[in-house]
Each structure stands twice: as structure tokens, then as C-alpha cells.
């Protein structure tokens, strides 16, 4: 048909999109959200895992854990839970069970806490950028408050001038009745 192939082009595998809450967090803080850390780190970490035990131990070394929840699963990154399927469909409970068999509990228990080193590594990149962002934000807020005050004063004086102008106009246009001037 006009030189076009009838085969459909397979779409490229796209990186999972960040949820609104994660995007808002990143915009507000300048730090990576837990979902972005998961999207960037977990595929690399779990590509070599062969059993549930390996999944749990690999994630524990980075201060993360895989937890079953209802009919789905969560990946805890630090103290933030992220739905496993938002990191990638290959990490959903169904796909993980297809890959590793029936789920096992973590050897360390479900309350594996991230190490201090793992938490620092999560936010190391944002360090200097974060302080720069915060100082810019503080300066912006101070300037914004000064502009607001100046506009308030300007608006108040313009309103008073307009009120006086209306009074003068009304006084000159209304006639005096029996010697009484109406204001």
C-alpha cells in the first residue's frame, strides 16, 4: 500500500513515567524522588537475581526491601513505599512470581532498615544543588515580600486618591439645598 509495510512498528520500551506526587516532590525539593531512585537503581540491581532470597539480600544492601501487600507488592526505598509496578512492570508481583516462583519472606524480616550509607548515597547528587536551590528560594521569597509591601502601599495611595477625586466631583456637581451642602 503505497510502499508502506503493513507490519506494525513495535513501540520502544519506555522508562516508566513518574507519578504526579513524585514529580511534585522533585520540583519542590530538588532531590530525587523514591520512585526515580527505584526506576534508575532497581533494574540494574535485580537483573542478576535468581531467587527471592537474592532479591531480598540485594535490595537490603542498598537500604531497600520488596514487600508483598494484598494482591500486589511494594518496594521500600528508605522509608518511602513505592508500588513495584510503577518502577517497572517486570517488578510487579505477578511478573516476579513468574520469574522466581512463590514468594518468600525476607531473611532479615520485613522491617529491614536502610543503612545510613545507603540513605546518604540516595541524596548525594542533590547535595550542592539543594543548598543552591534553597538559597535561591529564600532570596526569592524575601524579594517577593518586599514587592508585595510596595504594591500594597501604592494601591492604598491610589485608592485614597480616587476616593478624594470622587468626593471633589460629587461636591462640585451636587447643588446646595437650602444652604446645606451635601457631601
N, C-alpha and C. Protein backbone atom coordinates (compact mmCIF):
# COMPACT_ATOMS: atom_id res chain seq x y z
N UNK A 1 0.85 -1.18 0.00
CA UNK A 1 0.00 0.00 0.00
C UNK A 1 0.89 1.24 0.00
N UNK A 2 1.15 1.78 -1.13
CA UNK A 2 1.95 2.97 -1.32
C UNK A 2 3.33 2.83 -0.71
N UNK A 3 3.91 1.66 -0.79
CA UNK A 3 5.27 1.46 -0.31
C UNK A 3 5.40 1.32 1.20
N UNK A 4 4.29 1.27 1.91
CA UNK A 4 4.36 1.15 3.37
C UNK A 4 4.17 -0.29 3.77
N UNK A 5 4.86 -0.68 4.79
CA UNK A 5 4.74 -2.03 5.30
C UNK A 5 3.47 -2.13 6.16
N UNK A 6 2.80 -3.27 6.07
CA UNK A 6 1.60 -3.45 6.87
C UNK A 6 1.91 -3.87 8.30
N UNK A 7 3.17 -4.23 8.54
CA UNK A 7 3.55 -4.62 9.89
C UNK A 7 3.55 -3.40 10.80
N UNK A 8 3.09 -3.62 12.00
CA UNK A 8 3.11 -2.53 12.97
C UNK A 8 4.51 -2.40 13.56
N UNK A 9 4.92 -1.19 13.71
CA UNK A 9 6.21 -0.96 14.35
C UNK A 9 6.04 -1.20 15.84
N UNK A 10 6.95 -1.95 16.41
CA UNK A 10 6.87 -2.20 17.85
C UNK A 10 7.33 -0.95 18.59
N UNK A 11 6.53 -0.54 19.55
CA UNK A 11 6.96 0.64 20.31
C UNK A 11 8.20 0.34 21.14
N UNK A 12 9.05 1.34 21.27
CA UNK A 12 10.24 1.17 22.08
C UNK A 12 9.83 1.07 23.54
N UNK A 13 10.60 0.31 24.30
CA UNK A 13 10.31 0.17 25.72
C UNK A 13 10.68 1.49 26.40
N UNK A 14 9.67 2.16 26.91
CA UNK A 14 9.89 3.45 27.54
C UNK A 14 10.14 3.28 29.03
N UNK A 15 10.88 4.22 29.58
CA UNK A 15 11.08 4.24 31.02
C UNK A 15 9.76 4.61 31.66
N UNK A 16 9.39 3.96 32.76
CA UNK A 16 8.11 4.29 33.40
C UNK A 16 8.03 5.77 33.76
N UNK A 17 6.88 6.34 33.55
CA UNK A 17 6.69 7.76 33.84
C UNK A 17 6.56 7.98 35.34
N UNK A 18 7.08 9.10 35.80
CA UNK A 18 6.96 9.44 37.21
C UNK A 18 5.52 9.80 37.53
N UNK A 19 5.08 9.39 38.69
CA UNK A 19 3.75 9.77 39.15
C UNK A 19 3.78 11.25 39.53
N UNK A 20 2.61 11.86 39.55
CA UNK A 20 2.50 13.29 39.85
C UNK A 20 3.11 13.62 41.20
N UNK A 21 2.85 12.80 42.20
CA UNK A 21 3.36 13.05 43.54
C UNK A 21 4.89 13.06 43.55
N UNK A 22 5.50 12.13 42.81
CA UNK A 22 6.96 12.07 42.74
C UNK A 22 7.53 13.29 42.01
N UNK A 23 6.88 13.69 40.92
CA UNK A 23 7.31 14.89 40.19
C UNK A 23 7.22 16.13 41.07
N UNK A 24 6.10 16.26 41.79
CA UNK A 24 5.92 17.41 42.68
C UNK A 24 7.00 17.44 43.76
N UNK A 25 7.31 16.28 44.32
CA UNK A 25 8.36 16.19 45.34
C UNK A 25 9.69 16.68 44.77
N UNK A 26 10.04 16.20 43.57
CA UNK A 26 11.31 16.59 42.96
C UNK A 26 11.36 18.09 42.67
N UNK A 27 10.24 18.64 42.18
CA UNK A 27 10.21 20.07 41.88
C UNK A 27 10.31 20.91 43.15
N UNK A 28 9.71 20.44 44.23
CA UNK A 28 9.71 21.19 45.48
C UNK A 28 11.04 21.12 46.21
N UNK A 29 11.71 19.97 46.16
CA UNK A 29 12.90 19.78 46.98
C UNK A 29 14.21 19.80 46.20
N UNK A 30 14.16 19.51 44.93
CA UNK A 30 15.39 19.42 44.15
C UNK A 30 16.10 18.08 44.33
N UNK A 31 15.53 17.20 45.13
CA UNK A 31 16.11 15.87 45.35
C UNK A 31 15.37 14.84 44.50
N UNK A 32 16.01 13.70 44.29
CA UNK A 32 15.35 12.63 43.55
C UNK A 32 14.25 12.02 44.41
N UNK A 33 13.15 11.70 43.78
CA UNK A 33 12.07 11.02 44.50
C UNK A 33 12.43 9.54 44.64
N UNK A 34 11.75 8.88 45.56
CA UNK A 34 11.99 7.45 45.76
C UNK A 34 11.65 6.68 44.49
N UNK A 35 10.62 7.11 43.77
CA UNK A 35 10.26 6.41 42.54
C UNK A 35 11.37 6.53 41.50
N UNK A 36 11.96 7.71 41.36
CA UNK A 36 13.05 7.87 40.38
C UNK A 36 14.26 7.03 40.78
N UNK A 37 14.58 7.01 42.08
CA UNK A 37 15.70 6.19 42.54
C UNK A 37 15.41 4.73 42.19
N UNK A 38 14.18 4.29 42.41
CA UNK A 38 13.80 2.91 42.07
C UNK A 38 13.92 2.63 40.59
N UNK A 39 13.43 3.54 39.76
CA UNK A 39 13.49 3.36 38.31
C UNK A 39 14.93 3.28 37.83
N UNK A 40 15.82 4.08 38.43
CA UNK A 40 17.22 4.10 38.00
C UNK A 40 18.03 2.95 38.57
N UNK A 41 17.76 2.55 39.81
CA UNK A 41 18.62 1.59 40.50
C UNK A 41 18.15 0.14 40.41
N UNK A 42 16.88 -0.12 40.62
CA UNK A 42 16.40 -1.49 40.79
C UNK A 42 16.60 -2.37 39.56
N UNK A 43 16.35 -1.91 38.33
CA UNK A 43 16.60 -2.80 37.19
C UNK A 43 18.05 -3.29 37.14
N UNK A 44 19.01 -2.41 37.45
CA UNK A 44 20.41 -2.81 37.44
C UNK A 44 20.70 -3.80 38.56
N UNK A 45 20.10 -3.56 39.72
CA UNK A 45 20.36 -4.42 40.87
C UNK A 45 19.79 -5.82 40.69
N UNK A 46 18.58 -5.92 40.15
CA UNK A 46 17.89 -7.20 40.14
C UNK A 46 18.05 -8.00 38.85
N UNK A 47 18.82 -7.51 37.88
CA UNK A 47 18.94 -8.26 36.64
C UNK A 47 19.66 -9.58 36.83
N UNK A 48 20.49 -9.70 37.86
CA UNK A 48 21.24 -10.94 38.08
C UNK A 48 20.59 -11.85 39.12
N UNK A 49 19.54 -11.39 39.79
CA UNK A 49 18.92 -12.20 40.85
C UNK A 49 18.27 -13.44 40.26
N UNK A 50 18.42 -14.57 40.98
CA UNK A 50 17.84 -15.85 40.53
C UNK A 50 16.80 -16.40 41.49
N UNK A 51 16.79 -15.90 42.74
CA UNK A 51 15.84 -16.39 43.73
C UNK A 51 15.29 -15.22 44.54
N UNK A 52 14.23 -15.51 45.30
CA UNK A 52 13.67 -14.49 46.18
C UNK A 52 14.70 -14.07 47.22
N UNK A 53 15.47 -15.01 47.71
CA UNK A 53 16.50 -14.69 48.71
C UNK A 53 17.50 -13.69 48.18
N UNK A 54 17.91 -13.87 46.92
CA UNK A 54 18.84 -12.92 46.30
C UNK A 54 18.20 -11.55 46.14
N UNK A 55 16.92 -11.52 45.76
CA UNK A 55 16.21 -10.25 45.62
C UNK A 55 16.26 -9.50 46.95
N UNK A 56 15.90 -10.19 48.04
CA UNK A 56 15.87 -9.55 49.35
C UNK A 56 17.25 -9.09 49.79
N UNK A 57 18.27 -9.92 49.58
CA UNK A 57 19.61 -9.54 50.04
C UNK A 57 20.20 -8.41 49.20
N UNK A 58 19.97 -8.44 47.89
CA UNK A 58 20.49 -7.37 47.02
C UNK A 58 19.85 -6.04 47.40
N UNK A 59 18.54 -6.05 47.57
CA UNK A 59 17.85 -4.80 47.93
C UNK A 59 18.27 -4.32 49.31
N UNK A 60 18.47 -5.24 50.25
CA UNK A 60 18.85 -4.86 51.61
C UNK A 60 20.20 -4.15 51.64
N UNK A 61 21.13 -4.52 50.74
CA UNK A 61 22.44 -3.85 50.72
C UNK A 61 22.32 -2.38 50.34
N UNK A 62 21.24 -2.02 49.65
CA UNK A 62 21.02 -0.63 49.23
C UNK A 62 19.97 0.08 50.08
N UNK A 63 19.56 -0.56 51.18
CA UNK A 63 18.58 0.08 52.05
C UNK A 63 17.17 0.01 51.50
N UNK A 64 16.89 -1.03 50.71
CA UNK A 64 15.57 -1.21 50.10
C UNK A 64 15.02 -2.57 50.49
N UNK A 65 13.73 -2.76 50.29
CA UNK A 65 13.14 -4.08 50.51
C UNK A 65 11.91 -4.25 49.63
N UNK A 66 11.64 -5.50 49.28
CA UNK A 66 10.48 -5.89 48.47
C UNK A 66 9.47 -6.49 49.43
N UNK A 67 8.26 -5.97 49.41
CA UNK A 67 7.24 -6.41 50.37
C UNK A 67 5.95 -6.72 49.64
N UNK A 68 5.34 -7.84 50.01
CA UNK A 68 4.05 -8.21 49.44
C UNK A 68 2.96 -7.45 50.17
N UNK A 69 1.98 -6.96 49.41
CA UNK A 69 0.90 -6.17 50.02
C UNK A 69 -0.38 -6.50 49.27
N UNK A 70 -1.31 -7.18 49.93
CA UNK A 70 -2.55 -7.57 49.27
C UNK A 70 -2.26 -8.45 48.07
N UNK A 71 -2.78 -8.06 46.92
CA UNK A 71 -2.51 -8.84 45.71
C UNK A 71 -1.38 -8.23 44.89
N UNK A 72 -0.71 -7.21 45.45
CA UNK A 72 0.38 -6.55 44.75
C UNK A 72 1.65 -6.56 45.58
N UNK A 73 2.51 -5.61 45.32
CA UNK A 73 3.76 -5.53 46.07
C UNK A 73 4.26 -4.09 46.12
N UNK A 74 5.06 -3.83 47.14
CA UNK A 74 5.68 -2.53 47.34
C UNK A 74 7.18 -2.71 47.39
N UNK A 75 7.90 -1.71 46.96
CA UNK A 75 9.34 -1.67 47.16
C UNK A 75 9.60 -0.48 48.07
N UNK A 76 10.18 -0.75 49.21
CA UNK A 76 10.52 0.30 50.16
C UNK A 76 11.90 0.82 49.83
N UNK A 77 11.98 2.12 49.58
CA UNK A 77 13.25 2.77 49.29
C UNK A 77 13.47 3.74 50.44
N UNK A 78 14.37 3.38 51.34
CA UNK A 78 14.48 4.14 52.58
C UNK A 78 13.20 3.91 53.37
N UNK A 79 12.54 4.99 53.76
CA UNK A 79 11.29 4.85 54.49
C UNK A 79 10.08 5.19 53.62
N UNK A 80 10.26 5.19 52.31
CA UNK A 80 9.18 5.51 51.38
C UNK A 80 8.79 4.28 50.58
N UNK A 81 7.49 3.97 50.59
CA UNK A 81 6.97 2.83 49.83
C UNK A 81 6.62 3.28 48.42
N UNK A 82 7.00 2.48 47.45
CA UNK A 82 6.68 2.75 46.05
C UNK A 82 6.05 1.49 45.49
N UNK A 83 4.93 1.64 44.81
CA UNK A 83 4.28 0.49 44.19
C UNK A 83 5.26 -0.12 43.19
N UNK A 84 5.49 -1.42 43.30
CA UNK A 84 6.53 -2.08 42.49
C UNK A 84 6.27 -1.92 40.99
N UNK A 85 5.03 -1.96 40.56
CA UNK A 85 4.74 -1.87 39.12
C UNK A 85 5.01 -0.48 38.57
N UNK A 86 5.09 0.57 39.43
CA UNK A 86 5.42 1.90 38.92
C UNK A 86 6.90 2.03 38.61
N UNK A 87 7.71 1.16 39.19
CA UNK A 87 9.14 1.16 38.89
C UNK A 87 9.39 0.46 37.56
N UNK A 88 8.56 -0.51 37.26
CA UNK A 88 8.63 -1.24 36.00
C UNK A 88 7.71 -2.43 36.09
N UNK A 89 7.05 -2.76 35.00
CA UNK A 89 6.11 -3.87 35.02
C UNK A 89 6.79 -5.20 35.37
N UNK A 90 8.08 -5.31 35.07
CA UNK A 90 8.78 -6.54 35.38
C UNK A 90 8.97 -6.75 36.88
N UNK A 91 8.64 -5.74 37.70
CA UNK A 91 8.77 -5.87 39.15
C UNK A 91 7.42 -6.02 39.84
N UNK A 92 6.35 -6.12 39.06
CA UNK A 92 5.03 -6.36 39.65
C UNK A 92 5.04 -7.73 40.31
N UNK A 93 4.13 -7.94 41.23
CA UNK A 93 4.10 -9.22 41.95
C UNK A 93 3.94 -10.39 40.99
N UNK A 94 3.04 -10.25 40.02
CA UNK A 94 2.77 -11.34 39.07
C UNK A 94 4.04 -11.71 38.30
N UNK A 95 4.74 -10.71 37.77
CA UNK A 95 5.93 -10.99 36.98
C UNK A 95 7.07 -11.55 37.84
N UNK A 96 7.18 -11.06 39.06
CA UNK A 96 8.23 -11.57 39.96
C UNK A 96 7.93 -13.03 40.34
N UNK A 97 6.65 -13.36 40.55
CA UNK A 97 6.29 -14.75 40.85
C UNK A 97 6.53 -15.65 39.65
N UNK A 98 6.29 -15.15 38.45
CA UNK A 98 6.59 -15.93 37.25
C UNK A 98 8.09 -16.20 37.14
N UNK A 99 8.88 -15.23 37.53
CA UNK A 99 10.34 -15.33 37.41
C UNK A 99 10.98 -16.17 38.52
N UNK A 100 10.50 -15.99 39.78
CA UNK A 100 11.16 -16.62 40.92
C UNK A 100 10.32 -17.69 41.62
N UNK A 101 9.09 -17.89 41.21
CA UNK A 101 8.24 -18.86 41.89
C UNK A 101 7.50 -18.21 43.05
N UNK A 102 6.89 -19.03 43.91
CA UNK A 102 6.13 -18.47 45.04
C UNK A 102 7.02 -17.58 45.90
N UNK A 103 6.46 -16.49 46.41
CA UNK A 103 7.28 -15.53 47.17
C UNK A 103 7.73 -16.08 48.52
N UNK A 104 8.90 -15.62 48.95
CA UNK A 104 9.45 -15.93 50.26
C UNK A 104 9.59 -14.63 51.03
N UNK A 105 9.55 -14.73 52.32
CA UNK A 105 9.78 -13.54 53.15
C UNK A 105 11.28 -13.24 53.18
N UNK A 106 11.57 -11.98 53.42
CA UNK A 106 12.96 -11.55 53.54
C UNK A 106 13.62 -12.25 54.71
N UNK A 107 14.88 -12.66 54.56
CA UNK A 107 15.61 -13.32 55.65
C UNK A 107 15.79 -12.36 56.82
N UNK A 108 15.90 -11.05 56.53
CA UNK A 108 16.08 -10.07 57.58
C UNK A 108 14.74 -9.66 58.18
N UNK A 109 13.63 -10.17 57.67
CA UNK A 109 12.32 -9.73 58.14
C UNK A 109 11.83 -8.59 57.28
N UNK A 110 10.57 -8.25 57.43
CA UNK A 110 10.02 -7.20 56.57
C UNK A 110 10.40 -5.81 57.02
N UNK A 111 11.04 -5.67 58.18
CA UNK A 111 11.37 -4.35 58.69
C UNK A 111 12.85 -4.00 58.47
N UNK A 112 13.45 -4.52 57.41
CA UNK A 112 14.85 -4.20 57.13
C UNK A 112 15.00 -2.69 56.97
N UNK A 113 15.85 -2.10 57.78
CA UNK A 113 16.04 -0.66 57.76
C UNK A 113 17.23 -0.31 56.87
N UNK A 114 17.14 0.79 56.14
CA UNK A 114 18.25 1.18 55.27
C UNK A 114 19.45 1.62 56.10
N UNK A 115 20.63 1.34 55.58
CA UNK A 115 21.84 1.78 56.26
C UNK A 115 22.00 3.28 56.04
N UNK A 116 22.73 3.92 56.94
CA UNK A 116 22.98 5.35 56.83
C UNK A 116 23.72 5.66 55.53
N UNK A 117 24.65 4.77 55.15
CA UNK A 117 25.42 4.96 53.91
C UNK A 117 24.49 4.91 52.70
N UNK A 118 23.53 3.99 52.71
CA UNK A 118 22.60 3.88 51.58
C UNK A 118 21.75 5.13 51.46
N UNK A 119 21.29 5.66 52.60
CA UNK A 119 20.47 6.88 52.55
C UNK A 119 21.28 8.07 52.05
N UNK A 120 22.54 8.18 52.50
CA UNK A 120 23.37 9.28 52.02
C UNK A 120 23.62 9.17 50.53
N UNK A 121 23.79 7.95 50.03
CA UNK A 121 24.04 7.74 48.60
C UNK A 121 22.83 8.15 47.77
N UNK A 122 21.62 7.98 48.33
CA UNK A 122 20.42 8.36 47.58
C UNK A 122 20.38 9.86 47.30
N UNK A 123 20.89 10.66 48.25
CA UNK A 123 20.77 12.11 48.11
C UNK A 123 22.10 12.82 47.87
N UNK A 124 23.15 12.07 47.60
CA UNK A 124 24.47 12.68 47.41
C UNK A 124 24.48 13.63 46.22
N UNK A 125 23.83 13.24 45.14
CA UNK A 125 23.84 14.06 43.93
C UNK A 125 23.14 15.40 44.14
N UNK A 126 22.11 15.41 44.98
CA UNK A 126 21.32 16.62 45.18
C UNK A 126 21.98 17.59 46.16
N UNK A 127 23.03 17.20 46.86
CA UNK A 127 23.64 17.99 47.93
C UNK A 127 23.87 19.46 47.62
N UNK A 128 24.81 19.78 46.75
CA UNK A 128 25.14 21.18 46.48
C UNK A 128 24.02 21.87 45.71
N UNK A 129 23.35 21.12 44.85
CA UNK A 129 22.24 21.71 44.11
C UNK A 129 21.10 22.07 45.06
N UNK A 130 20.92 21.25 46.09
CA UNK A 130 19.85 21.51 47.06
C UNK A 130 20.11 22.81 47.82
N UNK A 131 21.35 23.01 48.30
CA UNK A 131 21.65 24.23 49.04
C UNK A 131 21.54 25.45 48.13
N UNK A 132 21.96 25.31 46.89
CA UNK A 132 21.82 26.40 45.92
C UNK A 132 20.35 26.72 45.68
N UNK A 133 19.54 25.70 45.53
CA UNK A 133 18.11 25.87 45.32
C UNK A 133 17.47 26.56 46.53
N UNK A 134 17.80 26.10 47.74
CA UNK A 134 17.20 26.68 48.95
C UNK A 134 17.59 28.14 49.11
N UNK A 135 18.85 28.51 48.84
CA UNK A 135 19.26 29.91 48.97
C UNK A 135 18.56 30.76 47.93
N UNK A 136 18.41 30.24 46.71
CA UNK A 136 17.66 30.97 45.68
C UNK A 136 16.22 31.16 46.12
N UNK A 137 15.60 30.11 46.65
CA UNK A 137 14.22 30.18 47.08
C UNK A 137 14.04 31.18 48.21
N UNK A 138 14.96 31.21 49.18
CA UNK A 138 14.88 32.16 50.29
C UNK A 138 14.99 33.59 49.80
N UNK A 139 15.93 33.84 48.88
CA UNK A 139 16.10 35.18 48.30
C UNK A 139 14.84 35.59 47.55
N UNK A 140 14.29 34.66 46.79
CA UNK A 140 13.07 34.94 46.03
C UNK A 140 11.92 35.32 46.96
N UNK A 141 11.77 34.60 48.06
CA UNK A 141 10.68 34.90 48.99
C UNK A 141 10.83 36.28 49.62
N UNK A 142 12.05 36.67 49.98
CA UNK A 142 12.30 37.99 50.56
C UNK A 142 11.94 39.07 49.55
N UNK A 143 12.40 38.91 48.31
CA UNK A 143 12.10 39.90 47.26
C UNK A 143 10.60 39.97 46.98
N UNK A 144 9.97 38.83 46.95
CA UNK A 144 8.53 38.78 46.69
C UNK A 144 7.76 39.53 47.79
N UNK A 145 8.16 39.35 49.05
CA UNK A 145 7.50 40.05 50.16
C UNK A 145 7.70 41.56 50.06
N UNK A 146 8.91 41.99 49.68
CA UNK A 146 9.18 43.42 49.52
C UNK A 146 8.31 44.02 48.41
N UNK A 147 8.20 43.32 47.30
CA UNK A 147 7.38 43.79 46.19
C UNK A 147 5.91 43.86 46.62
N UNK A 148 5.44 42.86 47.36
CA UNK A 148 4.05 42.87 47.84
C UNK A 148 3.78 44.08 48.73
N UNK A 149 4.72 44.37 49.65
CA UNK A 149 4.55 45.54 50.52
C UNK A 149 4.50 46.82 49.70
N UNK A 150 5.40 46.98 48.75
CA UNK A 150 5.43 48.19 47.93
C UNK A 150 4.14 48.34 47.12
N UNK A 151 3.65 47.22 46.57
CA UNK A 151 2.40 47.29 45.81
C UNK A 151 1.21 47.63 46.70
N UNK A 152 1.22 47.11 47.94
CA UNK A 152 0.14 47.43 48.87
C UNK A 152 0.10 48.93 49.15
N UNK A 153 1.27 49.53 49.40
CA UNK A 153 1.34 50.98 49.67
C UNK A 153 0.88 51.75 48.44
N UNK A 154 1.34 51.37 47.28
CA UNK A 154 0.95 52.04 46.04
C UNK A 154 -0.55 51.92 45.80
N UNK A 155 -1.09 50.73 46.03
CA UNK A 155 -2.52 50.51 45.82
C UNK A 155 -3.35 51.33 46.81
N UNK A 156 -2.90 51.37 48.06
CA UNK A 156 -3.63 52.14 49.08
C UNK A 156 -3.66 53.62 48.73
N UNK A 157 -2.51 54.18 48.29
CA UNK A 157 -2.47 55.60 47.94
C UNK A 157 -3.32 55.89 46.70
N UNK A 158 -3.34 54.98 45.74
CA UNK A 158 -4.17 55.18 44.54
C UNK A 158 -5.65 55.13 44.91
N UNK A 159 -6.01 54.22 45.82
CA UNK A 159 -7.40 54.13 46.25
C UNK A 159 -7.83 55.39 47.00
N UNK A 160 -6.96 55.93 47.86
CA UNK A 160 -7.28 57.17 48.59
C UNK A 160 -7.42 58.34 47.63
N UNK A 161 -6.54 58.40 46.64
CA UNK A 161 -6.62 59.48 45.65
C UNK A 161 -7.92 59.39 44.86
N UNK A 162 -8.32 58.18 44.49
CA UNK A 162 -9.56 58.00 43.74
C UNK A 162 -10.77 58.39 44.61
N UNK A 163 -10.77 58.02 45.88
CA UNK A 163 -11.85 58.37 46.80
C UNK A 163 -11.95 59.89 46.92
N UNK A 164 -10.83 60.57 47.10
CA UNK A 164 -10.83 62.04 47.19
C UNK A 164 -11.32 62.67 45.90
N UNK A 165 -10.92 62.10 44.76
CA UNK A 165 -11.36 62.61 43.46
C UNK A 165 -12.88 62.50 43.32
N UNK A 166 -13.45 61.36 43.74
CA UNK A 166 -14.90 61.19 43.69
C UNK A 166 -15.61 62.19 44.60
N UNK A 167 -15.06 62.43 45.79
CA UNK A 167 -15.66 63.39 46.72
C UNK A 167 -15.66 64.80 46.13
N UNK A 168 -14.52 65.19 45.51
CA UNK A 168 -14.46 66.54 44.90
C UNK A 168 -15.48 66.67 43.77
N UNK A 169 -15.58 65.61 42.94
CA UNK A 169 -16.51 65.64 41.81
C UNK A 169 -17.95 65.71 42.30
N UNK A 170 -18.27 64.92 43.30
CA UNK A 170 -19.63 64.90 43.84
C UNK A 170 -19.96 66.26 44.47
N UNK A 171 -19.00 66.84 45.17
CA UNK A 171 -19.21 68.12 45.84
C UNK A 171 -19.46 69.23 44.82
N UNK A 172 -18.74 69.21 43.70
CA UNK A 172 -18.90 70.26 42.70
C UNK A 172 -20.15 70.07 41.85
N UNK A 173 -20.64 68.85 41.71
CA UNK A 173 -21.79 68.63 40.84
C UNK A 173 -23.13 68.69 41.57
N UNK A 174 -23.14 68.45 42.87
CA UNK A 174 -24.40 68.49 43.61
C UNK A 174 -24.65 69.92 44.11
N UNK A 175 -25.86 70.41 43.87
CA UNK A 175 -26.17 71.79 44.31
C UNK A 175 -26.45 71.81 45.82
N UNK A 176 -26.27 72.96 46.38
CA UNK A 176 -26.59 73.14 47.79
C UNK A 176 -28.09 73.32 47.91
N UNK A 177 -28.73 72.64 48.85
CA UNK A 177 -30.17 72.73 49.05
C UNK A 177 -30.41 73.49 50.34
N UNK A 178 -31.07 74.63 50.22
CA UNK A 178 -31.37 75.47 51.38
C UNK A 178 -30.14 75.74 52.21
N UNK A 179 -29.06 76.00 51.55
CA UNK A 179 -27.86 76.36 52.26
C UNK A 179 -27.08 75.18 52.85
N UNK A 180 -27.59 73.93 52.63
CA UNK A 180 -26.89 72.75 53.16
C UNK A 180 -26.12 72.13 52.01
N UNK A 181 -24.87 71.92 52.22
CA UNK A 181 -24.03 71.29 51.20
C UNK A 181 -24.03 69.78 51.46
N UNK A 182 -24.33 69.03 50.40
CA UNK A 182 -24.34 67.56 50.52
C UNK A 182 -22.95 67.03 50.22
N UNK A 183 -22.49 66.22 51.08
CA UNK A 183 -21.14 65.63 50.89
C UNK A 183 -21.23 64.26 50.32
